[in-house]
Protein backbone atom coordinates (compact mmCIF):
# COMPACT_ATOMS: atom_id res chain seq x y z
CA MET A 1 -29.38 74.15 18.42
CA SER A 2 -28.80 75.64 15.16
CA PHE A 3 -30.18 73.08 12.53
CA GLU A 4 -28.10 74.31 9.64
CA PHE A 5 -24.94 74.07 11.83
CA ALA A 6 -25.53 70.62 13.12
CA VAL A 7 -26.44 69.52 9.67
CA THR A 8 -23.42 70.73 8.15
CA THR A 9 -21.13 69.69 11.00
CA PHE A 10 -22.48 66.20 10.79
CA ALA A 11 -21.79 66.04 6.99
CA ALA A 12 -18.32 67.35 7.45
CA ILE A 13 -17.02 65.05 10.00
CA PHE A 14 -18.81 62.03 8.06
CA ALA A 15 -17.05 62.53 4.64
CA ILE A 16 -13.72 63.38 6.43
CA VAL A 17 -13.97 60.02 8.53
CA ASN A 18 -15.49 58.52 5.40
CA PRO A 19 -16.61 54.95 6.65
CA ILE A 20 -17.92 54.00 3.54
CA GLY A 21 -14.75 54.41 1.80
CA ASN A 22 -12.70 52.63 3.99
CA VAL A 23 -14.90 49.26 4.11
CA PRO A 24 -12.59 47.94 1.28
CA PHE A 25 -9.72 48.49 3.38
CA PHE A 26 -11.22 47.02 6.63
CA VAL A 27 -12.31 43.84 4.75
CA ALA A 28 -8.66 43.36 3.03
CA VAL A 29 -6.69 44.12 6.53
CA THR A 30 -9.29 41.59 8.47
CA GLU A 31 -9.40 38.87 5.99
CA GLY A 32 -9.09 35.81 7.82
CA TYR A 33 -10.03 37.29 10.98
CA THR A 34 -13.15 35.26 12.84
CA LYS A 35 -16.21 37.27 13.76
CA GLU A 36 -15.29 37.74 17.18
CA MET A 37 -11.91 39.06 16.00
CA ARG A 38 -13.45 41.30 13.69
CA ARG A 39 -15.84 42.37 16.19
CA GLN A 40 -13.32 43.41 18.74
CA VAL A 41 -11.25 45.26 16.12
CA ILE A 42 -14.42 47.57 15.40
CA VAL A 43 -15.21 48.09 19.08
CA LYS A 44 -11.48 49.21 19.08
CA ILE A 45 -11.79 51.42 16.00
CA CYS A 46 -15.31 53.27 17.35
CA LEU A 47 -13.76 53.63 20.77
CA VAL A 48 -10.43 55.32 19.37
CA VAL A 49 -12.60 57.79 17.22
CA ILE A 50 -14.99 58.79 20.21
CA VAL A 51 -12.11 59.32 22.56
CA VAL A 52 -9.77 61.76 19.60
CA LEU A 53 -12.36 63.31 18.74
CA CYS A 54 -14.40 64.33 21.23
CA GLY A 55 -11.22 65.11 23.33
CA PHE A 56 -9.64 67.32 20.76
CA ALA A 57 -13.59 69.10 20.80
CA ILE A 58 -13.26 69.65 24.31
CA PHE A 59 -9.63 70.71 24.63
CA GLY A 60 -8.93 72.51 21.48
CA GLN A 61 -9.39 75.60 22.55
CA TYR A 62 -7.14 75.00 25.22
CA ILE A 63 -4.09 73.68 22.98
CA PHE A 64 -4.87 76.85 20.77
CA ALA A 65 -4.13 78.81 23.98
CA ILE A 66 -0.79 77.06 24.82
CA TYR A 67 0.45 77.62 21.29
CA GLY A 68 -0.58 80.58 20.41
CA ILE A 69 -2.38 79.81 17.66
CA THR A 70 -5.20 82.14 16.23
CA ILE A 71 -8.41 80.91 14.90
CA PRO A 72 -8.15 82.46 11.88
CA ALA A 73 -4.60 80.76 11.76
CA PHE A 74 -5.94 77.47 12.16
CA LYS A 75 -8.79 77.59 9.84
CA ILE A 76 -6.75 78.73 7.05
CA ALA A 77 -4.32 75.85 7.58
CA GLY A 78 -6.62 73.23 8.49
CA GLY A 79 -8.69 74.17 5.35
CA ALA A 80 -5.65 73.84 3.10
CA LEU A 81 -4.98 70.42 4.85
CA LEU A 82 -8.59 69.56 4.64
CA PHE A 83 -8.47 70.70 0.86
CA THR A 84 -5.44 68.05 0.49
CA ILE A 85 -7.23 65.23 1.63
CA ALA A 86 -10.08 66.09 -0.50
CA PHE A 87 -8.17 66.44 -3.63
CA SER A 88 -6.77 62.57 -2.99
CA MET A 89 -10.22 61.49 -2.63
CA LEU A 90 -11.46 63.27 -5.53
CA GLN A 91 -8.42 61.66 -7.70
CA GLY A 92 -9.23 58.27 -6.31
CA GLN A 93 -6.11 57.86 -4.05
CA ARG A 94 -5.40 57.36 -0.08
CA SER A 95 -4.59 60.85 1.98
CA LYS A 96 -0.89 60.22 3.06
CA ALA A 97 -2.01 62.33 6.05
CA LYS A 98 -4.44 59.49 6.66
CA ILE A 99 -2.25 56.32 6.51
CA THR A 100 1.41 55.64 5.44
CA ASP A 101 2.53 52.94 2.66
CA GLU A 102 4.65 51.99 5.69
CA ASP A 103 1.25 52.00 7.85
CA GLN A 104 0.06 49.90 5.28
CA ASP A 105 2.54 46.98 4.68
CA ASP A 106 2.77 46.47 8.56
CA LEU A 107 -0.83 46.25 8.83
CA MET A 108 -0.90 42.23 9.36
CA ALA A 109 2.04 42.17 12.22
CA LYS A 110 0.09 44.74 14.26
CA ALA A 111 -2.07 42.84 16.95
CA GLU A 112 -3.65 46.27 18.00
CA ILE A 113 -4.62 47.24 14.28
CA GLY A 114 -7.90 48.54 15.67
CA ILE A 115 -6.25 51.38 17.72
CA VAL A 116 -3.17 51.93 14.85
CA PRO A 117 -3.42 52.08 12.26
CA LEU A 118 -6.91 51.69 11.42
CA GLY A 119 -8.52 54.15 14.55
CA ILE A 120 -5.46 56.64 14.23
CA PRO A 121 -4.99 57.58 11.36
CA LEU A 122 -7.37 55.61 9.22
CA PHE A 123 -10.93 56.83 11.16
CA ALA A 124 -9.61 59.64 13.30
CA GLY A 125 -6.63 61.11 11.46
CA PRO A 126 -5.31 64.82 11.23
CA GLY A 127 -8.59 65.90 8.77
CA ALA A 128 -10.86 64.89 11.59
CA ILE A 129 -8.97 66.18 14.28
CA THR A 130 -8.71 69.82 12.10
CA THR A 131 -12.62 69.68 11.26
CA VAL A 132 -13.66 68.71 14.85
CA MET A 133 -11.90 71.48 16.03
CA ILE A 134 -12.49 73.98 13.57
CA TYR A 135 -16.24 73.30 14.33
CA ALA A 136 -15.42 73.59 18.00
CA SER A 137 -14.08 76.94 17.53
CA PHE A 138 -16.98 78.46 15.54
CA ALA A 139 -19.31 76.70 18.65
CA ALA A 140 -16.84 78.45 21.09
CA GLY A 141 -18.11 81.75 19.89
CA GLU A 142 -21.71 81.07 20.77
CA PRO A 143 -23.96 82.00 24.08
CA ALA A 144 -25.50 78.74 24.39
CA PRO A 145 -23.50 75.13 24.09
CA TRP A 146 -26.16 73.67 21.76
CA ASP A 147 -23.45 73.70 18.96
CA LEU A 148 -20.91 72.67 20.88
CA LEU A 149 -23.51 69.78 21.72
CA SER A 150 -23.93 69.03 18.07
CA ILE A 151 -20.53 68.35 17.49
CA PHE A 152 -20.61 65.57 20.11
CA ILE A 153 -24.30 64.29 18.82
CA SER A 154 -22.37 64.20 14.96
CA ILE A 155 -19.09 62.25 16.26
CA PHE A 156 -21.05 59.66 17.98
CA ALA A 157 -23.82 59.18 14.80
CA THR A 158 -20.25 58.78 12.64
CA VAL A 159 -19.30 56.17 15.05
CA GLY A 160 -22.29 54.58 15.20
CA ILE A 161 -22.91 54.60 11.38
CA SER A 162 -19.20 52.95 11.35
CA TYR A 163 -20.35 50.76 13.75
CA VAL A 164 -22.95 49.09 11.36
CA LEU A 165 -21.35 49.67 7.99
CA LEU A 166 -18.21 47.88 9.81
CA SER A 167 -20.07 45.17 11.18
CA TYR A 168 -21.60 44.47 7.85
CA SER A 169 -18.47 45.45 5.90
CA GLN A 170 -17.99 41.74 3.72
CA PRO A 171 -21.54 41.89 2.17
CA ILE A 172 -21.55 45.58 1.81
CA PHE A 173 -18.25 45.26 -0.15
CA ASP A 174 -19.43 42.37 -1.98
CA ARG A 175 -22.32 44.53 -3.19
CA MET A 176 -20.70 47.84 -3.80
CA GLY A 177 -17.44 46.43 -4.71
CA ARG A 178 -14.23 48.76 -5.02
CA SER A 179 -15.59 50.89 -7.79
CA GLY A 180 -18.68 51.50 -5.79
CA ALA A 181 -16.45 52.72 -2.63
CA MET A 182 -14.56 54.77 -4.70
CA ALA A 183 -17.48 56.33 -6.68
CA PHE A 184 -18.93 57.39 -2.92
CA SER A 185 -15.22 58.38 -1.88
CA ARG A 186 -14.93 60.96 -4.87
CA ILE A 187 -18.33 62.09 -3.57
CA MET A 188 -17.39 62.85 -0.16
CA GLY A 189 -14.36 64.13 -1.72
CA LEU A 190 -16.18 67.09 -3.46
CA LEU A 191 -18.22 67.79 -0.51
CA LEU A 192 -14.86 68.05 1.87
CA ALA A 193 -13.40 70.08 -0.73
CA ALA A 194 -15.90 72.77 -0.71
CA VAL A 195 -15.99 72.90 3.69
CA ALA A 196 -12.49 73.27 3.15
CA VAL A 197 -12.47 76.48 1.06
CA GLN A 198 -15.15 77.54 3.65
CA PHE A 199 -13.01 76.93 6.32
CA ILE A 200 -10.16 78.49 4.47
CA LEU A 201 -12.81 81.90 3.23
CA SER A 202 -14.07 82.09 7.02
CA GLY A 203 -10.39 82.17 8.22
CA ILE A 204 -9.10 85.18 5.97
CA PHE A 205 -12.53 87.33 6.55
CA GLN A 206 -12.02 86.77 10.21
CA ALA A 207 -8.27 87.38 9.87
CA TYR A 208 -8.97 90.77 7.56
CA ASN A 209 -11.72 91.63 10.32
CA ALA A 210 -9.06 91.50 13.42
CA PHE A 211 -6.68 93.51 11.11
CA ALA A 212 -9.16 96.20 10.45
CA SER A 213 -10.26 96.45 13.77
CA THR A 214 -6.70 97.71 14.27
CA GLY A 215 -6.51 100.31 12.15
CA LEU A 216 -3.64 99.60 10.14
CA ALA A 217 -5.85 98.03 6.94
């Protein structure tokens, strides 16, 4: 397993899932819930994130094949999407790609808020899915499966940290406040912006090399 790849993968997945930045929203949504009700919501969030992200890590390549999507094209498009999310985080805004105003207005009316919209799209949104699929495409070209394994380790590690943070969300929020959570989100946004640019550059270079190999460049 490439240690550098494993660290980069974990940092990117953790940044886009952004469990610390989601703590204030979780606290607001579950206000008035009993401890047991909150635990059930947290478990559902974690299960949804595992199923969705691991599912796309495994079957992402098949989705590419079915729709005729090339890896370079997906890297460029995915990088652009991630950059818009990162820009929103840097501006202290919640990306519309993660949760809509309609979702937020109807949150308390939903019985299964741990699945929708907290699990999807707040934690396992388009950005997280895109990140996992792109890193899976990187790992697919390696002869050994260790890089792919590091993606699953990163997903489970992020989910484990998310479970702990959400379980202690109220005391964490009391200490951090909205300003502290916002500051952390902006730091994660900067990291995510760098990852997005890396994806776009990698896609452009890969597309150019494929074009040049045809002799038409």
